[in-house]
Protein backbone atom coordinates (compact mmCIF):
# COMPACT_ATOMS: atom_id res chain seq x y z
CA MET A 1 -273.00 23.82 -81.93
CA SER A 2 -272.68 26.07 -84.99
CA LEU A 3 -271.68 24.12 -88.09
CA THR A 4 -269.96 25.85 -91.01
CA SER A 5 -267.91 24.73 -93.93
CA THR A 6 -264.20 25.47 -94.20
CA ALA A 7 -263.69 24.74 -97.88
CA ALA A 8 -260.60 26.67 -98.91
CA ALA A 9 -262.15 28.25 -101.95
CA GLY A 10 -265.77 28.49 -100.95
CA ALA A 11 -268.17 30.32 -98.76
CA ALA A 12 -269.52 28.84 -95.56
CA VAL A 13 -272.44 26.50 -95.99
CA ARG A 14 -274.72 25.57 -93.12
CA PRO A 15 -276.17 22.03 -93.40
CA VAL A 16 -279.94 22.04 -93.49
CA ALA A 17 -281.61 19.98 -90.74
CA ARG A 18 -283.83 17.32 -92.27
CA GLU A 19 -286.06 14.62 -90.89
CA PRO A 20 -285.08 11.14 -92.14
CA ARG A 21 -287.86 8.89 -93.37
CA LEU A 22 -288.19 5.17 -94.00
CA ILE A 23 -286.57 5.41 -97.44
CA HIS A 24 -283.39 6.83 -95.92
CA ALA A 25 -283.19 4.06 -93.33
CA ALA A 26 -283.88 1.42 -96.00
CA ILE A 27 -281.07 2.67 -98.26
CA LEU A 28 -278.53 2.73 -95.43
CA LEU A 29 -279.60 -0.62 -93.95
CA VAL A 30 -279.49 -2.40 -97.32
CA THR A 31 -276.11 -0.81 -98.08
CA SER A 32 -274.62 -2.02 -94.81
CA GLY A 33 -276.14 -5.45 -95.52
CA LEU A 34 -274.13 -5.78 -98.73
CA SER A 35 -271.31 -7.21 -96.63
CA VAL A 36 -273.08 -10.59 -96.51
CA LEU A 37 -272.82 -10.88 -100.29
CA VAL A 38 -269.07 -11.22 -99.87
CA THR A 39 -269.46 -14.76 -98.54
CA ALA A 40 -273.09 -15.92 -98.36
CA VAL A 41 -273.97 -15.98 -102.04
CA LEU A 42 -270.69 -17.54 -103.23
CA GLY A 43 -270.32 -20.57 -100.96
CA PRO A 44 -272.38 -23.00 -103.07
CA SER A 45 -270.42 -22.13 -106.23
CA MET A 46 -266.97 -22.79 -104.73
CA PRO A 47 -266.71 -26.49 -105.76
CA ALA A 48 -267.56 -25.70 -109.40
CA MET A 49 -265.08 -22.83 -109.42
CA GLN A 50 -262.45 -25.13 -107.94
CA ALA A 51 -263.07 -27.62 -110.73
CA HIS A 52 -262.88 -24.90 -113.41
CA PHE A 53 -259.44 -23.77 -112.22
CA ALA A 54 -258.18 -27.25 -111.35
CA ASP A 55 -255.17 -26.85 -113.68
CA VAL A 56 -254.01 -23.64 -112.00
CA PRO A 57 -251.13 -24.29 -109.56
CA GLY A 58 -252.26 -23.72 -105.99
CA ALA A 59 -255.95 -23.49 -106.93
CA ASP A 60 -256.95 -25.34 -103.75
CA PHE A 61 -255.60 -22.35 -101.82
CA LEU A 62 -256.39 -19.56 -104.28
CA VAL A 63 -260.07 -20.32 -104.89
CA PRO A 64 -261.08 -20.03 -101.20
CA LEU A 65 -259.06 -16.80 -101.13
CA THR A 66 -261.74 -15.25 -103.35
CA MET A 67 -264.04 -15.37 -100.31
CA THR A 68 -261.60 -14.30 -97.60
CA ALA A 69 -259.72 -11.54 -99.47
CA PRO A 70 -262.51 -8.95 -99.08
CA MET A 71 -262.70 -9.59 -95.32
CA LEU A 72 -258.97 -9.00 -94.97
CA MET A 73 -259.23 -5.65 -96.75
CA MET A 74 -262.21 -4.66 -94.61
CA ALA A 75 -260.13 -5.38 -91.51
CA PHE A 76 -257.23 -3.26 -92.72
CA LEU A 77 -259.06 -0.36 -94.33
CA SER A 78 -262.32 0.36 -92.46
CA ILE A 79 -260.53 2.74 -90.10
CA PHE A 80 -259.13 4.72 -93.05
CA ALA A 81 -262.54 4.80 -94.72
CA GLY A 82 -263.98 6.30 -91.55
CA GLU A 83 -261.26 8.95 -91.38
CA LEU A 84 -261.90 9.90 -95.02
CA ALA A 85 -265.63 10.17 -94.30
CA ASP A 86 -264.94 12.53 -91.40
CA ARG A 87 -262.46 14.64 -93.31
CA PHE A 88 -264.13 14.94 -96.71
CA GLY A 89 -267.80 14.09 -96.07
CA ARG A 90 -269.97 10.98 -96.18
CA LYS A 91 -272.22 11.05 -99.23
CA ARG A 92 -269.69 11.31 -102.05
CA LEU A 93 -267.60 8.51 -100.58
CA LEU A 94 -270.68 6.31 -100.16
CA VAL A 95 -271.95 6.88 -103.72
CA GLY A 96 -268.52 6.40 -105.30
CA ALA A 97 -267.91 3.20 -103.34
CA ALA A 98 -271.34 1.85 -104.36
CA VAL A 99 -270.62 2.39 -108.06
CA LEU A 100 -267.15 0.84 -107.89
CA TYR A 101 -268.49 -2.02 -105.75
CA GLY A 102 -270.84 -2.97 -108.58
CA VAL A 103 -268.04 -2.74 -111.16
CA VAL A 104 -265.41 -4.81 -109.34
CA GLY A 105 -267.98 -7.12 -107.78
CA THR A 106 -269.29 -8.25 -111.17
CA ALA A 107 -265.85 -8.35 -112.80
CA PRO A 108 -265.48 -12.17 -112.35
CA LEU A 109 -268.36 -12.57 -114.83
CA VAL A 110 -265.86 -11.76 -117.59
CA LEU A 111 -262.41 -12.33 -116.08
CA ASP A 112 -260.66 -15.54 -117.14
CA SER A 113 -257.59 -15.37 -114.90
CA LEU A 114 -257.88 -16.63 -111.34
CA VAL A 115 -255.25 -14.10 -110.25
CA ALA A 116 -257.29 -11.29 -111.83
CA ILE A 117 -260.43 -12.52 -110.07
CA ILE A 118 -258.63 -12.51 -106.73
CA ALA A 119 -257.37 -8.98 -107.43
CA SER A 120 -260.96 -7.88 -108.10
CA ARG A 121 -261.98 -9.42 -104.77
CA PHE A 122 -259.32 -7.45 -102.93
CA ALA A 123 -260.67 -4.33 -104.64
CA LEU A 124 -264.18 -5.33 -103.58
CA GLY A 125 -263.00 -5.44 -99.98
CA VAL A 126 -261.77 -1.84 -100.29
CA MET A 127 -265.21 -0.74 -101.48
CA GLU A 128 -266.99 -2.80 -98.83
CA ALA A 129 -264.87 -1.19 -96.11
CA ALA A 130 -266.16 2.19 -97.28
CA LEU A 131 -269.78 1.09 -97.69
CA MET A 132 -270.05 -0.65 -94.33
CA THR A 133 -268.28 2.07 -92.38
CA VAL A 134 -269.97 5.08 -93.98
CA SER A 135 -273.50 3.61 -94.01
CA THR A 136 -273.21 2.70 -90.32
CA THR A 137 -271.86 6.17 -89.53
CA MET A 138 -274.70 7.86 -91.42
CA ILE A 139 -277.29 5.88 -89.47
CA GLY A 140 -275.72 7.44 -86.38
CA ASP A 141 -275.77 10.85 -88.08
CA TYR A 142 -279.42 10.70 -89.12
CA TYR A 143 -280.87 9.19 -85.93
CA ASP A 144 -280.33 9.42 -82.19
CA GLY A 145 -281.64 7.97 -78.94
CA ALA A 146 -283.96 4.97 -79.03
CA ARG A 147 -284.50 5.31 -82.80
CA ARG A 148 -280.76 4.96 -83.40
CA GLU A 149 -280.58 1.85 -81.22
CA ARG A 150 -283.50 0.26 -83.04
CA TYR A 151 -281.95 0.96 -86.43
CA MET A 152 -278.62 -0.41 -85.22
CA SER A 153 -280.42 -3.61 -84.24
CA LEU A 154 -282.22 -3.62 -87.59
CA GLN A 155 -278.85 -3.35 -89.30
CA THR A 156 -277.92 -6.73 -87.83
CA THR A 157 -281.42 -8.05 -88.58
CA VAL A 158 -281.06 -7.13 -92.25
CA ALA A 159 -277.60 -8.72 -92.45
CA ALA A 160 -278.72 -11.95 -90.75
CA SER A 161 -281.91 -12.14 -92.83
CA SER A 162 -279.92 -11.56 -95.99
CA ALA A 163 -277.47 -14.30 -95.05
CA PHE A 164 -280.40 -16.63 -94.36
CA LEU A 165 -281.90 -15.96 -97.80
CA LEU A 166 -278.68 -15.72 -99.79
CA ASN A 167 -277.31 -19.05 -98.57
CA GLY A 168 -280.23 -20.70 -100.36
CA LEU A 169 -280.36 -18.26 -103.26
CA GLY A 170 -276.66 -18.74 -103.94
CA GLY A 171 -277.23 -22.44 -104.53
CA LEU A 172 -280.04 -21.79 -107.00
CA ILE A 173 -278.02 -19.18 -108.90
CA ALA A 174 -274.96 -21.46 -108.96
CA GLU A 175 -277.02 -23.97 -110.96
CA HIS A 176 -276.34 -21.61 -113.90
CA GLY A 177 -272.56 -21.81 -113.47
CA TRP A 178 -269.95 -20.71 -110.96
CA ARG A 179 -269.80 -17.20 -112.44
CA ALA A 180 -273.52 -16.52 -112.09
CA PRO A 181 -273.57 -15.55 -108.36
CA TYR A 182 -271.21 -12.66 -109.08
CA ALA A 183 -274.06 -10.93 -110.94
CA THR A 184 -275.73 -10.22 -107.58
CA PHE A 185 -273.06 -7.62 -106.80
CA ALA A 186 -274.69 -5.35 -109.39
CA VAL A 187 -277.34 -4.51 -106.78
CA SER A 188 -275.12 -1.67 -105.59
CA LEU A 189 -275.54 -0.02 -109.01
CA LEU A 190 -279.26 0.21 -108.22
CA LEU A 191 -278.55 1.69 -104.80
CA ALA A 192 -276.17 4.39 -106.06
CA PRO A 193 -278.82 6.57 -107.79
CA LEU A 194 -281.11 6.22 -104.76
CA MET A 195 -278.26 7.51 -102.60
CA VAL A 196 -277.81 10.50 -104.91
CA ILE A 197 -281.53 11.33 -104.89
CA TYR A 198 -282.50 10.73 -101.26
CA LEU A 199 -279.45 10.99 -99.00
CA TRP A 200 -277.98 14.30 -97.86
CA GLU A 201 -274.61 15.21 -96.39
CA PRO A 202 -274.94 15.21 -92.59
CA PRO A 203 -272.92 17.46 -90.28
CA SER A 204 -269.38 16.17 -89.75
CA ARG A 205 -265.82 17.42 -89.43
CA ALA A 206 -266.00 18.31 -93.12
CA THR A 207 -268.71 20.90 -92.35
CA MET A 208 -267.05 22.31 -89.22
CA SER A 209 -264.58 25.15 -88.86
CA VAL A 210 -261.06 24.24 -87.79
CA ALA A 211 -261.73 25.56 -84.28
CA GLU A 212 -265.03 23.68 -83.97
CA ALA A 213 -263.47 20.43 -85.13
CA ALA A 214 -260.55 20.82 -82.71
CA SER A 215 -262.87 21.58 -79.79
CA ASP A 216 -265.22 18.69 -80.58
CA GLY A 217 -262.38 16.24 -81.24
CA ARG A 218 -260.93 16.78 -77.76
CA SER A 219 -263.92 14.92 -76.29
CA LEU A 220 -262.79 11.68 -77.96
CA GLN A 221 -262.01 9.18 -75.19
CA ARG A 222 -259.15 7.26 -76.77
CA GLY A 223 -258.84 4.73 -73.96
CA LEU A 224 -262.53 3.89 -74.12
CA LEU A 225 -262.39 3.61 -77.91
CA ALA A 226 -259.42 1.23 -77.57
CA LEU A 227 -261.41 -0.92 -75.12
CA ILE A 228 -264.44 -1.00 -77.43
CA CYS A 229 -262.24 -1.93 -80.39
CA ALA A 230 -260.57 -4.72 -78.41
CA LEU A 231 -263.98 -6.09 -77.45
CA GLY A 232 -264.96 -5.72 -81.12
CA ALA A 233 -262.12 -8.07 -82.11
CA VAL A 234 -263.33 -10.55 -79.47
CA LEU A 235 -266.86 -10.26 -80.85
CA GLY A 236 -265.54 -10.93 -84.36
CA VAL A 237 -263.95 -14.18 -83.13
CA VAL A 238 -267.17 -15.14 -81.31
CA PHE A 239 -269.48 -14.30 -84.19
CA MET A 240 -267.49 -16.25 -86.80
CA THR A 241 -267.21 -19.42 -84.72
CA VAL A 242 -270.53 -20.87 -85.86
CA PRO A 243 -270.23 -19.94 -89.57
CA VAL A 244 -266.73 -21.44 -89.78
CA HIS A 245 -266.89 -24.41 -87.43
CA LEU A 246 -270.49 -25.63 -87.05
CA GLY A 247 -270.13 -27.90 -90.09
CA TYR A 248 -267.11 -29.57 -88.50
CA LEU A 249 -269.06 -30.13 -85.29
CA PHE A 250 -271.84 -31.85 -87.25
CA GLY A 251 -269.25 -34.02 -88.97
CA ALA A 252 -267.86 -35.03 -85.59
CA ILE A 253 -271.26 -36.35 -84.45
CA GLY A 254 -271.75 -38.25 -87.70
CA GLU A 255 -274.24 -35.99 -89.50
CA PRO A 256 -273.62 -36.60 -93.25
CA SER A 257 -276.38 -34.52 -94.85
CA PRO A 258 -275.34 -31.10 -96.24
CA ALA A 259 -279.02 -30.19 -96.49
CA ARG A 260 -279.62 -30.83 -92.79
CA ILE A 261 -276.46 -28.97 -91.87
CA GLY A 262 -277.65 -26.07 -94.03
CA ILE A 263 -280.92 -26.04 -92.08
CA ALA A 264 -278.93 -25.81 -88.84
CA TYR A 265 -277.05 -22.80 -90.22
CA ALA A 266 -280.41 -21.22 -91.07
CA ILE A 267 -281.60 -21.90 -87.50
CA ASN A 268 -278.51 -20.09 -86.21
CA SER A 269 -279.36 -17.12 -88.47
CA LEU A 270 -282.89 -17.09 -87.06
CA GLY A 271 -281.36 -16.92 -83.58
CA VAL A 272 -279.33 -13.87 -84.60
CA ILE A 273 -282.47 -12.23 -86.02
CA ALA A 274 -284.39 -12.94 -82.79
CA GLY A 275 -281.53 -11.48 -80.74
CA THR A 276 -281.58 -8.23 -82.68
CA PHE A 277 -285.29 -7.83 -81.96
CA VAL A 278 -284.69 -8.57 -78.27
CA PHE A 279 -282.06 -5.84 -78.20
CA GLY A 280 -283.92 -3.27 -80.28
CA TRP A 281 -287.29 -3.53 -78.54
CA LEU A 282 -286.47 -4.80 -75.03
CA LEU A 283 -282.88 -4.35 -73.86
CA GLY A 284 -281.60 -1.38 -75.88
CA PRO A 285 -284.04 1.28 -74.69
CA ARG A 286 -284.00 0.19 -71.03
CA TRP A 287 -280.72 -1.44 -70.02
CA ARG A 288 -277.30 0.12 -69.49
CA VAL A 289 -274.54 -1.19 -71.77
CA ALA A 290 -272.93 -3.43 -69.12
CA TRP A 291 -276.21 -5.35 -68.67
CA GLN A 292 -276.64 -5.61 -72.46
CA LEU A 293 -273.16 -7.06 -72.88
CA ALA A 294 -273.64 -9.42 -69.94
CA ALA A 295 -276.91 -10.75 -71.36
CA GLY A 296 -275.57 -11.20 -74.89
CA ALA A 297 -272.24 -12.72 -73.85
CA GLY A 298 -273.89 -15.01 -71.31
CA ILE A 299 -276.44 -16.39 -73.77
CA ALA A 300 -273.82 -16.82 -76.53
CA ALA A 301 -271.53 -18.59 -74.03
CA VAL A 302 -274.29 -21.01 -73.06
CA GLY A 303 -274.75 -21.79 -76.75
CA PHE A 304 -271.05 -22.63 -77.12
CA MET A 305 -271.12 -24.88 -74.06
CA MET A 306 -274.23 -26.61 -75.41
CA MET A 307 -272.27 -27.28 -78.60
CA ARG A 308 -269.52 -28.87 -76.52
CA ALA A 309 -272.03 -31.24 -74.91
CA ALA A 310 -274.23 -31.92 -77.98
CA ALA A 311 -274.32 -35.54 -79.10
CA ASP A 312 -277.04 -35.44 -81.76
CA TYR A 313 -278.42 -33.21 -84.52
CA ASN A 314 -281.25 -31.64 -82.55
CA ALA A 315 -279.05 -30.68 -79.60
CA LEU A 316 -276.41 -29.11 -81.85
CA ALA A 317 -278.98 -27.21 -83.92
CA ALA A 318 -280.58 -25.89 -80.71
CA ALA A 319 -277.15 -24.82 -79.47
CA GLY A 320 -276.65 -22.89 -82.71
CA PHE A 321 -279.93 -21.03 -82.15
CA VAL A 322 -279.02 -20.11 -78.55
CA ASN A 323 -275.59 -18.88 -79.62
CA GLY A 324 -277.15 -16.85 -82.44
CA LEU A 325 -279.59 -15.28 -79.97
CA GLY A 326 -276.69 -14.05 -77.83
CA CYS A 327 -274.71 -12.79 -80.83
CA GLY A 328 -277.81 -10.96 -82.08
CA ILE A 329 -277.83 -9.01 -78.79
CA LEU A 330 -274.08 -8.40 -78.71
CA LEU A 331 -273.68 -7.02 -82.23
CA PRO A 332 -276.01 -3.99 -81.95
CA ALA A 333 -275.07 -3.48 -78.29
CA MET A 334 -271.43 -2.96 -79.22
CA VAL A 335 -272.16 -0.70 -82.21
CA THR A 336 -274.58 1.54 -80.32
CA TRP A 337 -272.22 1.78 -77.33
CA ASN A 338 -269.42 2.90 -79.62
CA MET A 339 -271.70 5.32 -81.45
CA ARG A 340 -272.87 7.00 -78.22
CA GLU A 341 -269.33 7.67 -77.04
CA LEU A 342 -267.94 9.23 -80.23
CA PRO A 343 -267.83 12.99 -80.81
CA LEU A 344 -269.39 14.10 -84.09
CA SER A 345 -266.08 15.14 -85.64
CA ARG A 346 -264.52 11.67 -85.08
CA ARG A 347 -267.58 9.46 -85.54
CA GLY A 348 -266.45 8.01 -88.87
CA PHE A 349 -262.97 7.31 -87.53
CA GLY A 350 -264.34 5.60 -84.42
CA ILE A 351 -266.82 3.48 -86.35
CA GLY A 352 -264.11 2.54 -88.86
CA ALA A 353 -261.68 1.60 -86.08
CA TYR A 354 -264.32 -0.65 -84.52
CA GLN A 355 -265.17 -2.25 -87.88
CA SER A 356 -261.49 -2.93 -88.59
CA CYS A 357 -261.07 -4.73 -85.28
CA PHE A 358 -264.34 -6.61 -85.71
CA PHE A 359 -263.35 -7.95 -89.13
CA PHE A 360 -259.85 -8.71 -87.85
CA GLY A 361 -261.59 -11.00 -85.37
CA PHE A 362 -263.24 -12.71 -88.34
CA PHE A 363 -259.85 -13.26 -89.93
CA ILE A 364 -258.11 -14.71 -86.85
CA ASN A 365 -261.01 -16.93 -85.77
CA PRO A 366 -259.72 -20.12 -87.48
CA LEU A 367 -256.25 -19.55 -86.05
CA ILE A 368 -257.62 -19.27 -82.51
CA VAL A 369 -260.11 -22.15 -82.66
CA VAL A 370 -257.77 -24.58 -84.43
CA GLY A 371 -254.93 -23.46 -82.15
CA LEU A 372 -257.07 -24.23 -79.10
CA GLU A 373 -257.98 -27.60 -80.58
CA LYS A 374 -254.30 -28.52 -80.93
CA GLN A 375 -253.35 -27.07 -77.56
CA LEU A 376 -256.08 -29.04 -75.80
CA ALA A 377 -255.38 -32.16 -77.90
CA ALA A 378 -259.15 -32.58 -77.96
CA PRO A 379 -261.99 -32.44 -80.53
CA ARG A 380 -262.97 -29.08 -82.00
CA ALA A 381 -266.10 -29.08 -79.85
CA ALA A 382 -263.83 -28.81 -76.79
CA ALA A 383 -262.19 -25.72 -78.28
CA VAL A 384 -265.60 -24.16 -78.94
CA GLY A 385 -266.65 -25.00 -75.38
CA THR A 386 -263.50 -23.32 -74.05
CA ILE A 387 -264.42 -20.14 -75.91
CA GLY A 388 -267.81 -20.42 -74.23
CA VAL A 389 -266.21 -20.60 -70.77
CA LEU A 390 -264.04 -17.54 -71.51
CA LEU A 391 -267.05 -15.66 -72.84
CA LEU A 392 -269.04 -16.56 -69.72
CA ALA A 393 -266.23 -15.06 -67.63
CA LEU A 394 -266.50 -11.88 -69.71
CA ALA A 395 -270.26 -11.83 -69.07
CA ALA A 396 -269.64 -12.15 -65.34
CA LEU A 397 -267.19 -9.26 -65.48
CA ALA A 398 -269.80 -7.14 -67.29
CA LEU A 399 -272.30 -7.98 -64.54
CA VAL A 400 -269.85 -6.81 -61.89
CA VAL A 401 -269.21 -3.56 -63.79
CA GLY A 402 -272.96 -3.02 -64.15
CA ALA A 403 -273.51 -3.59 -60.44
CA LEU A 404 -270.75 -1.14 -59.53
CA GLN A 405 -272.18 1.47 -61.88
CA ARG A 406 -275.62 1.05 -60.35
CA ARG A 407 -274.24 1.39 -56.82
CA ALA A 408 -272.34 4.54 -57.81
CA ARG A 409 -275.54 6.29 -58.93
């Protein structure tokens, strides 16, 4: 396909083909991993922040909102960030979002009003929607085939590893006050100049003629994208179940130690990391997407059902690892499936739509799990186990689809 610019005032510019190196992958992977800063590094400082704003009416609701507000904005705005990246180009949007991310992310270091801090967190979510969507899209732009699938798995590896490290680092930083963890958001200000120096603008709708963009865009399978986005919302619910509810499950079996519970969370993160390696080096290059989804959903479902049956610390921690292993397969499997099906001119839009649905799943997870708990009139473990049963049914359906596809060959 011939790629030319259609800038109203300018001459046509043909993008120069370049070979991405490790530095390019590192910049994009670390950028996409910034999303874990939104929650992982701040958790340990929440009690001290709550105490600081104890005199503010509604502080018990408003302080936790500082963690959830960015996720809500990511759910609403990722699709628009992707459309902007397609229409106007990737690099400028990525660099601008990185700079503003550092500015609004560190704003709570100096802000004294809780309302102003929450406003800065909403603004952070806007920037994170752009960073996550555009960096993921550019990985798809720079790489293809097996290399793309490995980097998609590494994207999840980086995020899970960062969460593993930042959960502990956040506690150490919080020893210096509840404001101190917000300084970590300045890391994007270090990434921005690296983006300017090393990254280049890949081919996209912004570099196509009107006719080329129209022709390419007609290959977008809207029904398939809708299915992938719906499954993305399901995956968001599945993936957030352990981060939100594992602590409650430990409380239900009488585990009082926050340190031991923290270790169990770390074990779950290790499971996610292991799952990404299984996908990137074993399943991704060899298995069709239906088998990948069946394997990931089946393993994650077994983990949920193990949580339902767990009666002691070791059993529940092992269940967290198994569930993490399945989620570590599912996350890159879904992203790479979506990436493969998107035409170049709508890649940012499609990735953004998927990210919006995925983060919407994050947001509705507590509503679904607590709603199931009340509907079943049973402990929360029963609700988690029910999600496992439903996920196992989805895995079985994926197996059937995979078998039918194989027979049709």
